[in-house]
Amino acid sequence: MDNRDGAPIYTVNDWQDNSEIGSTYDTTTSEPTDHTMSTLASDTASEYFQEIYGRMFPIDENVPPLFPTDDAEVRRLKLQHLSLKLIIGSNYFGPVRNALAESPDGRRKRVLDLFTADGTWVREMAAEFPHVDFTSVDLVPIVPHTRCANILGYEVYDVYNGVAEADNTFDVIHLRYSMSKVNPTPIIRHLRHIAIRQLPSLVRELHRVLRPGGLFLYGEYENEVFDASMGDHAASSTAPY
């Protein structure tokens, strides 16, 4: 995105797999470097999307096309965020304040927001915890983001190849509504010939970058799809794969 319009979005250029994390990402901050990151310009952001029946979807075949990625979807995401916040009364649950309390040794704590979407959650959390550094990651650049001093980066890359951070990096990891991005079961299923990655594999990767004693915040839809020919049977029990 154009830096004049908002915070820059960074793409990871040389991320391959977990074996390369040590030399490139083993630092105390996720501040991008010229070696690891490049800024995504506004005129290239459109290359991430394609129009299907009047709605915009990710063009990358690694991204399941379950939901569109256009202005209408951004409005839905914001309403969804507000609804959840009203239900639980906050942007989080559990001992988050304790986990993000200032360290006696002065170390700045860090939070990873995975599949950040429109970025409302990470911006509000950054405002509430100005002494904490946040990193935002998603598969595609949905919207331009607002600059914030303690949001170190809005990053876009193929998370399925691994989280581009060192082991034991984050004090808190936030992930919600991942079912549109990954398959919840150990069996890889296909949607329009696209392999949807497994949730257990993603959780193991998040465990790798979570500090010992860290906090993993995970929220999900209670999804159930029914077979049109057998309305009282869940599709998961009748599907051929």
C-alpha atoms as a PDB file:
ATOM      1  CA  MET A   1       0.000   0.000   0.000  1.00  0.00           C
ATOM      2  CA  ASP A   2       1.065   3.567  -0.523  1.00  0.00           C
ATOM      3  CA  ASN A   3       2.777   4.774   2.663  1.00  0.00           C
ATOM      4  CA  ARG A   4       1.101   8.167   2.295  1.00  0.00           C
ATOM      5  CA  ASP A   5      -2.308   6.572   2.723  1.00  0.00           C
ATOM      6  CA  GLY A   6      -1.565   4.463   5.769  1.00  0.00           C
ATOM      7  CA  ALA A   7       0.807   2.009   7.338  1.00  0.00           C
ATOM      8  CA  PRO A   8       2.975   0.037   4.899  1.00  0.00           C
ATOM      9  CA  ILE A   9       2.185  -3.616   4.328  1.00  0.00           C
ATOM     10  CA  TYR A  10       5.226  -5.854   4.055  1.00  0.00           C
ATOM     11  CA  THR A  11       5.597  -9.007   2.013  1.00  0.00           C
ATOM     12  CA  VAL A  12       8.118 -11.654   3.027  1.00  0.00           C
ATOM     13  CA  ASN A  13      10.427 -12.216   0.074  1.00  0.00           C
ATOM     14  CA  ASP A  14      12.730 -14.998   1.183  1.00  0.00           C
ATOM     15  CA  TRP A  15      10.619 -17.044   3.568  1.00  0.00           C
ATOM     16  CA  GLN A  16      11.005 -20.735   2.775  1.00  0.00           C
ATOM     17  CA  ASP A  17      10.511 -22.911   5.806  1.00  0.00           C
ATOM     18  CA  ASN A  18      11.212 -23.168   9.513  1.00  0.00           C
ATOM     19  CA  SER A  19      14.843 -24.166   9.026  1.00  0.00           C
ATOM     20  CA  GLU A  20      15.726 -20.635   7.948  1.00  0.00           C
ATOM     21  CA  ILE A  21      14.156 -18.862  10.884  1.00  0.00           C
ATOM     22  CA  GLY A  22      17.244 -18.688  13.060  1.00  0.00           C
ATOM     23  CA  SER A  23      19.469 -16.500  10.894  1.00  0.00           C
ATOM     24  CA  THR A  24      16.801 -14.180   9.542  1.00  0.00           C
ATOM     25  CA  TYR A  25      14.271 -13.761  12.334  1.00  0.00           C
ATOM     26  CA  ASP A  26      16.145 -14.480  15.559  1.00  0.00           C
ATOM     27  CA  THR A  27      15.876 -10.943  16.912  1.00  0.00           C
ATOM     28  CA  THR A  28      14.077  -9.162  19.746  1.00  0.00           C
ATOM     29  CA  THR A  29      11.812  -7.275  17.394  1.00  0.00           C
ATOM     30  CA  SER A  30       9.815  -8.020  14.264  1.00  0.00           C
ATOM     31  CA  GLU A  31      10.904  -4.752  12.656  1.00  0.00           C
ATOM     32  CA  PRO A  32      11.216  -5.655   8.943  1.00  0.00           C
ATOM     33  CA  THR A  33      14.599  -5.400   7.243  1.00  0.00           C
ATOM     34  CA  ASP A  34      15.472  -4.826   3.600  1.00  0.00           C
ATOM     35  CA  HIS A  35      16.757  -8.396   3.459  1.00  0.00           C
ATOM     36  CA  THR A  36      13.561 -10.044   4.625  1.00  0.00           C
ATOM     37  CA  MET A  37      10.766  -7.697   3.632  1.00  0.00           C
ATOM     38  CA  SER A  38       9.605  -5.403   0.861  1.00  0.00           C
ATOM     39  CA  THR A  39       6.837  -2.828   0.947  1.00  0.00           C
ATOM     40  CA  LEU A  40       3.677  -3.692  -0.947  1.00  0.00           C
ATOM     41  CA  ALA A  41       2.689  -0.784  -3.194  1.00  0.00           C
ATOM     42  CA  SER A  42      -0.956   0.158  -3.703  1.00  0.00           C
ATOM     43  CA  ASP A  43      -0.741  -0.504  -7.439  1.00  0.00           C
ATOM     44  CA  THR A  44       0.433  -4.073  -6.849  1.00  0.00           C
ATOM     45  CA  ALA A  45      -2.039  -4.946  -4.086  1.00  0.00           C
ATOM     46  CA  SER A  46      -4.750  -5.505  -6.703  1.00  0.00           C
ATOM     47  CA  GLU A  47      -2.691  -8.367  -8.115  1.00  0.00           C
ATOM     48  CA  TYR A  48      -3.729 -10.449  -5.098  1.00  0.00           C
ATOM     49  CA  PHE A  49      -7.390 -10.511  -6.167  1.00  0.00           C
ATOM     50  CA  GLN A  50      -9.730 -11.635  -8.925  1.00  0.00           C
ATOM     51  CA  GLU A  51     -13.395 -10.923  -9.618  1.00  0.00           C
ATOM     52  CA  ILE A  52     -15.821 -13.849  -9.437  1.00  0.00           C
ATOM     53  CA  TYR A  53     -19.512 -13.160 -10.071  1.00  0.00           C
ATOM     54  CA  GLY A  54     -19.119  -9.511  -9.133  1.00  0.00           C
ATOM     55  CA  ARG A  55     -17.200 -10.111  -5.861  1.00  0.00           C
ATOM     56  CA  MET A  56     -13.460  -9.962  -5.243  1.00  0.00           C
ATOM     57  CA  PHE A  57     -11.634 -13.094  -4.082  1.00  0.00           C
ATOM     58  CA  PRO A  58      -7.960 -13.974  -3.511  1.00  0.00           C
ATOM     59  CA  ILE A  59      -6.272 -15.040  -6.718  1.00  0.00           C
ATOM     60  CA  ASP A  60      -3.832 -17.322  -4.871  1.00  0.00           C
ATOM     61  CA  GLU A  61      -4.983 -20.929  -5.136  1.00  0.00           C
ATOM     62  CA  ASN A  62      -3.537 -21.585  -1.675  1.00  0.00           C
ATOM     63  CA  VAL A  63      -6.255 -19.360  -0.174  1.00  0.00           C
ATOM     64  CA  PRO A  64      -9.668 -21.082   0.049  1.00  0.00           C
ATOM     65  CA  PRO A  65     -12.282 -18.848  -1.673  1.00  0.00           C
ATOM     66  CA  LEU A  66     -14.914 -19.192   1.048  1.00  0.00           C
ATOM     67  CA  PHE A  67     -15.448 -15.474   1.624  1.00  0.00           C
ATOM     68  CA  PRO A  68     -14.923 -12.496  -0.680  1.00  0.00           C
ATOM     69  CA  THR A  69     -12.280  -9.853   0.066  1.00  0.00           C
ATOM     70  CA  ASP A  70     -13.953  -6.611  -0.984  1.00  0.00           C
ATOM     71  CA  ASP A  71     -15.494  -3.547   0.680  1.00  0.00           C
ATOM     72  CA  ALA A  72     -18.725  -5.361   1.498  1.00  0.00           C
ATOM     73  CA  GLU A  73     -16.767  -8.089   3.253  1.00  0.00           C
ATOM     74  CA  VAL A  74     -14.770  -5.502   5.209  1.00  0.00           C
ATOM     75  CA  ARG A  75     -18.034  -4.003   6.482  1.00  0.00           C
ATOM     76  CA  ARG A  76     -19.217  -7.475   7.497  1.00  0.00           C
ATOM     77  CA  LEU A  77     -15.951  -8.131   9.325  1.00  0.00           C
ATOM     78  CA  LYS A  78     -16.246  -4.885  11.285  1.00  0.00           C
ATOM     79  CA  LEU A  79     -19.820  -5.700  12.316  1.00  0.00           C
ATOM     80  CA  GLN A  80     -18.712  -9.199  13.257  1.00  0.00           C
ATOM     81  CA  HIS A  81     -15.944  -7.747  15.424  1.00  0.00           C
ATOM     82  CA  LEU A  82     -18.369  -5.397  17.172  1.00  0.00           C
ATOM     83  CA  SER A  83     -20.852  -8.218  17.760  1.00  0.00           C
ATOM     84  CA  LEU A  84     -18.250 -10.464  19.353  1.00  0.00           C
ATOM     85  CA  LYS A  85     -16.911  -7.597  21.449  1.00  0.00           C
ATOM     86  CA  LEU A  86     -20.407  -6.905  22.777  1.00  0.00           C
ATOM     87  CA  ILE A  87     -20.926 -10.576  23.619  1.00  0.00           C
ATOM     88  CA  ILE A  88     -17.706 -11.092  25.580  1.00  0.00           C
ATOM     89  CA  GLY A  89     -17.462  -7.485  26.787  1.00  0.00           C
ATOM     90  CA  SER A  90     -13.912  -6.979  25.590  1.00  0.00           C
ATOM     91  CA  ASN A  91     -11.420  -7.705  22.823  1.00  0.00           C
ATOM     92  CA  TYR A  92     -10.172 -10.739  24.725  1.00  0.00           C
ATOM     93  CA  PHE A  93     -10.916 -13.321  27.385  1.00  0.00           C
ATOM     94  CA  GLY A  94      -8.736 -14.957  29.989  1.00  0.00           C
ATOM     95  CA  PRO A  95      -5.659 -13.542  31.771  1.00  0.00           C
ATOM     96  CA  VAL A  96      -4.558 -11.267  28.931  1.00  0.00           C
ATOM     97  CA  ARG A  97      -3.809  -8.292  31.172  1.00  0.00           C
ATOM     98  CA  ASN A  98      -1.487 -10.416  33.282  1.00  0.00           C
ATOM     99  CA  ALA A  99       0.182 -11.888  30.205  1.00  0.00           C
ATOM    100  CA  LEU A 100       0.793  -8.407  28.776  1.00  0.00           C
ATOM    101  CA  ALA A 101       1.784  -6.666  32.003  1.00  0.00           C
ATOM    102  CA  GLU A 102       5.045  -4.748  31.765  1.00  0.00           C
ATOM    103  CA  SER A 103       8.082  -6.964  32.321  1.00  0.00           C
ATOM    104  CA  PRO A 104      10.255  -6.240  35.380  1.00  0.00           C
ATOM    105  CA  ASP A 105      13.337  -6.489  33.150  1.00  0.00           C
ATOM    106  CA  GLY A 106      11.962  -3.920  30.692  1.00  0.00           C
ATOM    107  CA  ARG A 107      11.479  -6.387  27.835  1.00  0.00           C
ATOM    108  CA  ARG A 108       8.688  -5.288  25.524  1.00  0.00           C
ATOM    109  CA  LYS A 109       6.169  -8.065  25.181  1.00  0.00           C
ATOM    110  CA  ARG A 110       4.873  -9.122  21.783  1.00  0.00           C
ATOM    111  CA  VAL A 111       1.544 -10.196  20.304  1.00  0.00           C
ATOM    112  CA  LEU A 112       0.854 -11.947  16.992  1.00  0.00           C
ATOM    113  CA  ASP A 113      -2.515 -11.370  15.314  1.00  0.00           C
ATOM    114  CA  LEU A 114      -2.910 -14.067  12.671  1.00  0.00           C
ATOM    115  CA  PHE A 115      -5.370 -13.648   9.770  1.00  0.00           C
ATOM    116  CA  THR A 116      -5.802 -10.031  10.825  1.00  0.00           C
ATOM    117  CA  ALA A 117      -8.416  -9.231   8.118  1.00  0.00           C
ATOM    118  CA  ASP A 118      -9.515  -5.579   8.433  1.00  0.00           C
ATOM    119  CA  GLY A 119      -7.206  -5.055  11.416  1.00  0.00           C
ATOM    120  CA  THR A 120      -9.774  -3.679  13.871  1.00  0.00           C
ATOM    121  CA  TRP A 121      -8.771  -6.052  16.677  1.00  0.00           C
ATOM    122  CA  VAL A 122      -5.039  -5.395  16.458  1.00  0.00           C
ATOM    123  CA  ARG A 123      -5.490  -1.614  16.299  1.00  0.00           C
ATOM    124  CA  GLU A 124      -7.744  -1.555  19.351  1.00  0.00           C
ATOM    125  CA  MET A 125      -5.406  -3.841  21.276  1.00  0.00           C
ATOM    126  CA  ALA A 126      -2.381  -1.724  20.350  1.00  0.00           C
ATOM    127  CA  ALA A 127      -4.180   1.331  21.728  1.00  0.00           C
ATOM    128  CA  GLU A 128      -5.075  -0.488  24.962  1.00  0.00           C
ATOM    129  CA  PHE A 129      -1.556  -1.867  25.478  1.00  0.00           C
ATOM    130  CA  PRO A 130       0.860   0.833  24.229  1.00  0.00           C
ATOM    131  CA  HIS A 131       3.786  -0.859  26.011  1.00  0.00           C
ATOM    132  CA  VAL A 132       3.326  -4.029  23.903  1.00  0.00           C
ATOM    133  CA  ASP A 133       4.529  -4.605  20.323  1.00  0.00           C
ATOM    134  CA  PHE A 134       2.098  -6.171  17.840  1.00  0.00           C
ATOM    135  CA  THR A 135       2.673  -8.009  14.563  1.00  0.00           C
ATOM    136  CA  SER A 136      -0.191  -8.486  12.118  1.00  0.00           C
ATOM    137  CA  VAL A 137      -0.146 -11.283   9.530  1.00  0.00           C
ATOM    138  CA  ASP A 138      -2.583 -12.292   6.800  1.00  0.00           C
ATOM    139  CA  LEU A 139      -2.625 -14.152   3.507  1.00  0.00           C
ATOM    140  CA  VAL A 140      -3.770 -11.174   1.418  1.00  0.00           C
ATOM    141  CA  PRO A 141      -3.777  -7.367   1.910  1.00  0.00           C
ATOM    142  CA  ILE A 142      -7.504  -6.735   2.385  1.00  0.00           C
ATOM    143  CA  VAL A 143      -7.385  -3.035   3.372  1.00  0.00           C
ATOM    144  CA  PRO A 144      -4.853  -0.220   3.898  1.00  0.00           C
ATOM    145  CA  HIS A 145      -3.995  -0.080   7.596  1.00  0.00           C
ATOM    146  CA  THR A 146      -3.679   2.846   9.981  1.00  0.00           C
ATOM    147  CA  ARG A 147      -0.198   3.625  11.260  1.00  0.00           C
ATOM    148  CA  CYS A 148       0.419   2.803  14.903  1.00  0.00           C
ATOM    149  CA  ALA A 149       3.742   3.136  16.710  1.00  0.00           C
ATOM    150  CA  ASN A 150       3.562  -0.236  18.451  1.00  0.00           C
ATOM    151  CA  ILE A 151       2.247  -2.241  15.495  1.00  0.00           C
ATOM    152  CA  LEU A 152       5.624  -3.245  14.109  1.00  0.00           C
ATOM    153  CA  GLY A 153       4.356  -4.626  10.851  1.00  0.00           C
ATOM    154  CA  TYR A 154       1.368  -5.588   8.716  1.00  0.00           C
ATOM    155  CA  GLU A 155       2.771  -8.620   6.932  1.00  0.00           C
ATOM    156  CA  VAL A 156       1.405 -10.648   4.014  1.00  0.00           C
ATOM    157  CA  TYR A 157       2.800 -14.062   3.146  1.00  0.00           C
ATOM    158  CA  ASP A 158       1.944 -17.751   2.770  1.00  0.00           C
ATOM    159  CA  VAL A 159       1.393 -18.746   6.396  1.00  0.00           C
ATOM    160  CA  TYR A 160       0.970 -22.356   5.250  1.00  0.00           C
ATOM    161  CA  ASN A 161       4.744 -22.498   4.775  1.00  0.00           C
ATOM    162  CA  GLY A 162       5.242 -21.488   8.399  1.00  0.00           C
ATOM    163  CA  VAL A 163       5.131 -18.372  10.559  1.00  0.00           C
ATOM    164  CA  ALA A 164       8.122 -16.197   9.660  1.00  0.00           C
ATOM    165  CA  GLU A 165       9.327 -15.734  13.220  1.00  0.00           C
ATOM    166  CA  ALA A 166      11.803 -17.401  15.559  1.00  0.00           C
ATOM    167  CA  ASP A 167      10.881 -19.944  18.200  1.00  0.00           C
ATOM    168  CA  ASN A 168       9.523 -18.566  21.488  1.00  0.00           C
ATOM    169  CA  THR A 169       8.826 -15.088  20.096  1.00  0.00           C
ATOM    170  CA  PHE A 170       5.321 -14.066  21.201  1.00  0.00           C
ATOM    171  CA  ASP A 171       3.757 -13.677  24.631  1.00  0.00           C
ATOM    172  CA  VAL A 172       0.218 -13.796  23.198  1.00  0.00           C
ATOM    173  CA  ILE A 173      -1.082 -15.173  19.900  1.00  0.00           C
ATOM    174  CA  HIS A 174      -4.564 -14.274  18.670  1.00  0.00           C
ATOM    175  CA  LEU A 175      -6.391 -16.383  16.081  1.00  0.00           C
ATOM    176  CA  ARG A 176     -10.085 -16.440  15.305  1.00  0.00           C
ATOM    177  CA  TYR A 177     -12.360 -17.513  12.466  1.00  0.00           C
ATOM    178  CA  SER A 178      -9.633 -19.687  10.972  1.00  0.00           C
ATOM    179  CA  MET A 179     -12.046 -22.216   9.474  1.00  0.00           C
ATOM    180  CA  SER A 180     -12.281 -20.150   6.300  1.00  0.00           C
ATOM    181  CA  LYS A 181      -8.520 -20.570   5.926  1.00  0.00           C
ATOM    182  CA  VAL A 182      -7.783 -24.110   7.122  1.00  0.00           C
ATOM    183  CA  ASN A 183      -9.372 -27.538   7.360  1.00  0.00           C
ATOM    184  CA  PRO A 184     -10.376 -28.371  10.954  1.00  0.00           C
ATOM    185  CA  THR A 185      -9.917 -32.130  10.541  1.00  0.00           C
ATOM    186  CA  PRO A 186      -6.748 -34.201  10.112  1.00  0.00           C
ATOM    187  CA  ILE A 187      -7.973 -35.218   6.649  1.00  0.00           C
ATOM    188  CA  ILE A 188      -7.123 -32.759   3.879  1.00  0.00           C
ATOM    189  CA  ARG A 189     -10.277 -31.974   1.937  1.00  0.00           C
ATOM    190  CA  HIS A 190     -10.648 -30.098  -1.298  1.00  0.00           C
ATOM    191  CA  LEU A 191     -12.758 -27.147  -2.321  1.00  0.00           C
ATOM    192  CA  ARG A 192     -12.672 -26.356  -6.031  1.00  0.00           C
ATOM    193  CA  HIS A 193      -9.537 -28.520  -6.247  1.00  0.00           C
ATOM    194  CA  ILE A 194      -7.788 -26.386  -3.622  1.00  0.00           C
ATOM    195  CA  ALA A 195      -6.099 -28.207  -0.747  1.00  0.00           C
ATOM    196  CA  ILE A 196      -7.149 -26.634   2.548  1.00  0.00           C
ATOM    197  CA  ARG A 197      -4.392 -26.943   5.138  1.00  0.00           C
ATOM    198  CA  GLN A 198      -4.920 -28.652   8.457  1.00  0.00           C
ATOM    199  CA  LEU A 199      -5.712 -26.747  11.629  1.00  0.00           C
ATOM    200  CA  PRO A 200      -3.624 -29.054  13.873  1.00  0.00           C
ATOM    201  CA  SER A 201      -0.535 -28.281  11.780  1.00  0.00           C
ATOM    202  CA  LEU A 202      -1.170 -24.553  12.113  1.00  0.00           C
ATOM    203  CA  VAL A 203      -1.632 -24.829  15.887  1.00  0.00           C
ATOM    204  CA  ARG A 204       1.664 -26.711  16.185  1.00  0.00           C
ATOM    205  CA  GLU A 205       3.377 -23.919  14.269  1.00  0.00           C
ATOM    206  CA  LEU A 206       1.840 -21.301  16.553  1.00  0.00           C
ATOM    207  CA  HIS A 207       3.039 -23.315  19.552  1.00  0.00           C
ATOM    208  CA  ARG A 208       6.554 -23.059  18.122  1.00  0.00           C
ATOM    209  CA  VAL A 209       6.559 -19.246  18.069  1.00  0.00           C
ATOM    210  CA  LEU A 210       4.724 -18.869  21.406  1.00  0.00           C
ATOM    211  CA  ARG A 211       6.954 -18.194  24.396  1.00  0.00           C
ATOM    212  CA  PRO A 212       6.894 -20.726  27.263  1.00  0.00           C
ATOM    213  CA  GLY A 213       4.000 -19.766  29.508  1.00  0.00           C
ATOM    214  CA  GLY A 214       2.487 -17.656  26.717  1.00  0.00           C
ATOM    215  CA  LEU A 215      -1.216 -17.305  25.981  1.00  0.00           C
ATOM    216  CA  PHE A 216      -3.021 -18.553  22.856  1.00  0.00           C
ATOM    217  CA  LEU A 217      -6.384 -16.863  22.235  1.00  0.00           C
ATOM    218  CA  TYR A 218      -8.496 -18.883  19.820  1.00  0.00           C
ATOM    219  CA  GLY A 219     -12.085 -18.235  18.812  1.00  0.00           C
ATOM    220  CA  GLU A 220     -14.069 -20.073  16.157  1.00  0.00           C
ATOM    221  CA  TYR A 221     -17.458 -20.374  14.534  1.00  0.00           C
ATOM    222  CA  GLU A 222     -19.662 -23.301  15.477  1.00  0.00           C
ATOM    223  CA  ASN A 223     -20.055 -24.399  11.895  1.00  0.00           C
ATOM    224  CA  GLU A 224     -22.180 -27.236  10.599  1.00  0.00           C
ATOM    225  CA  VAL A 225     -23.090 -27.866   6.974  1.00  0.00           C
ATOM    226  CA  PHE A 226     -26.027 -30.105   6.077  1.00  0.00           C
ATOM    227  CA  ASP A 227     -26.563 -32.372   3.100  1.00  0.00           C
ATOM    228  CA  ALA A 228     -29.321 -30.970   0.884  1.00  0.00           C
ATOM    229  CA  SER A 229     -30.672 -34.465   0.213  1.00  0.00           C
ATOM    230  CA  MET A 230     -30.625 -35.414   3.911  1.00  0.00           C
ATOM    231  CA  GLY A 231     -31.581 -32.317   5.852  1.00  0.00           C
ATOM    232  CA  ASP A 232     -31.188 -33.903   9.275  1.00  0.00           C
ATOM    233  CA  HIS A 233     -27.694 -35.248   8.568  1.00  0.00           C
ATOM    234  CA  ALA A 234     -24.540 -33.183   8.847  1.00  0.00           C
ATOM    235  CA  ALA A 235     -22.630 -33.117   5.569  1.00  0.00           C
ATOM    236  CA  SER A 236     -19.461 -34.113   7.408  1.00  0.00           C
ATOM    237  CA  SER A 237     -20.997 -37.546   8.034  1.00  0.00           C
ATOM    238  CA  THR A 238     -22.251 -38.104   4.490  1.00  0.00           C
ATOM    239  CA  ALA A 239     -19.570 -36.450   2.336  1.00  0.00           C
ATOM    240  CA  PRO A 240     -17.514 -38.907   0.259  1.00  0.00           C
ATOM    241  CA  TYR A 241     -14.189 -37.446   1.526  1.00  0.00           C
END
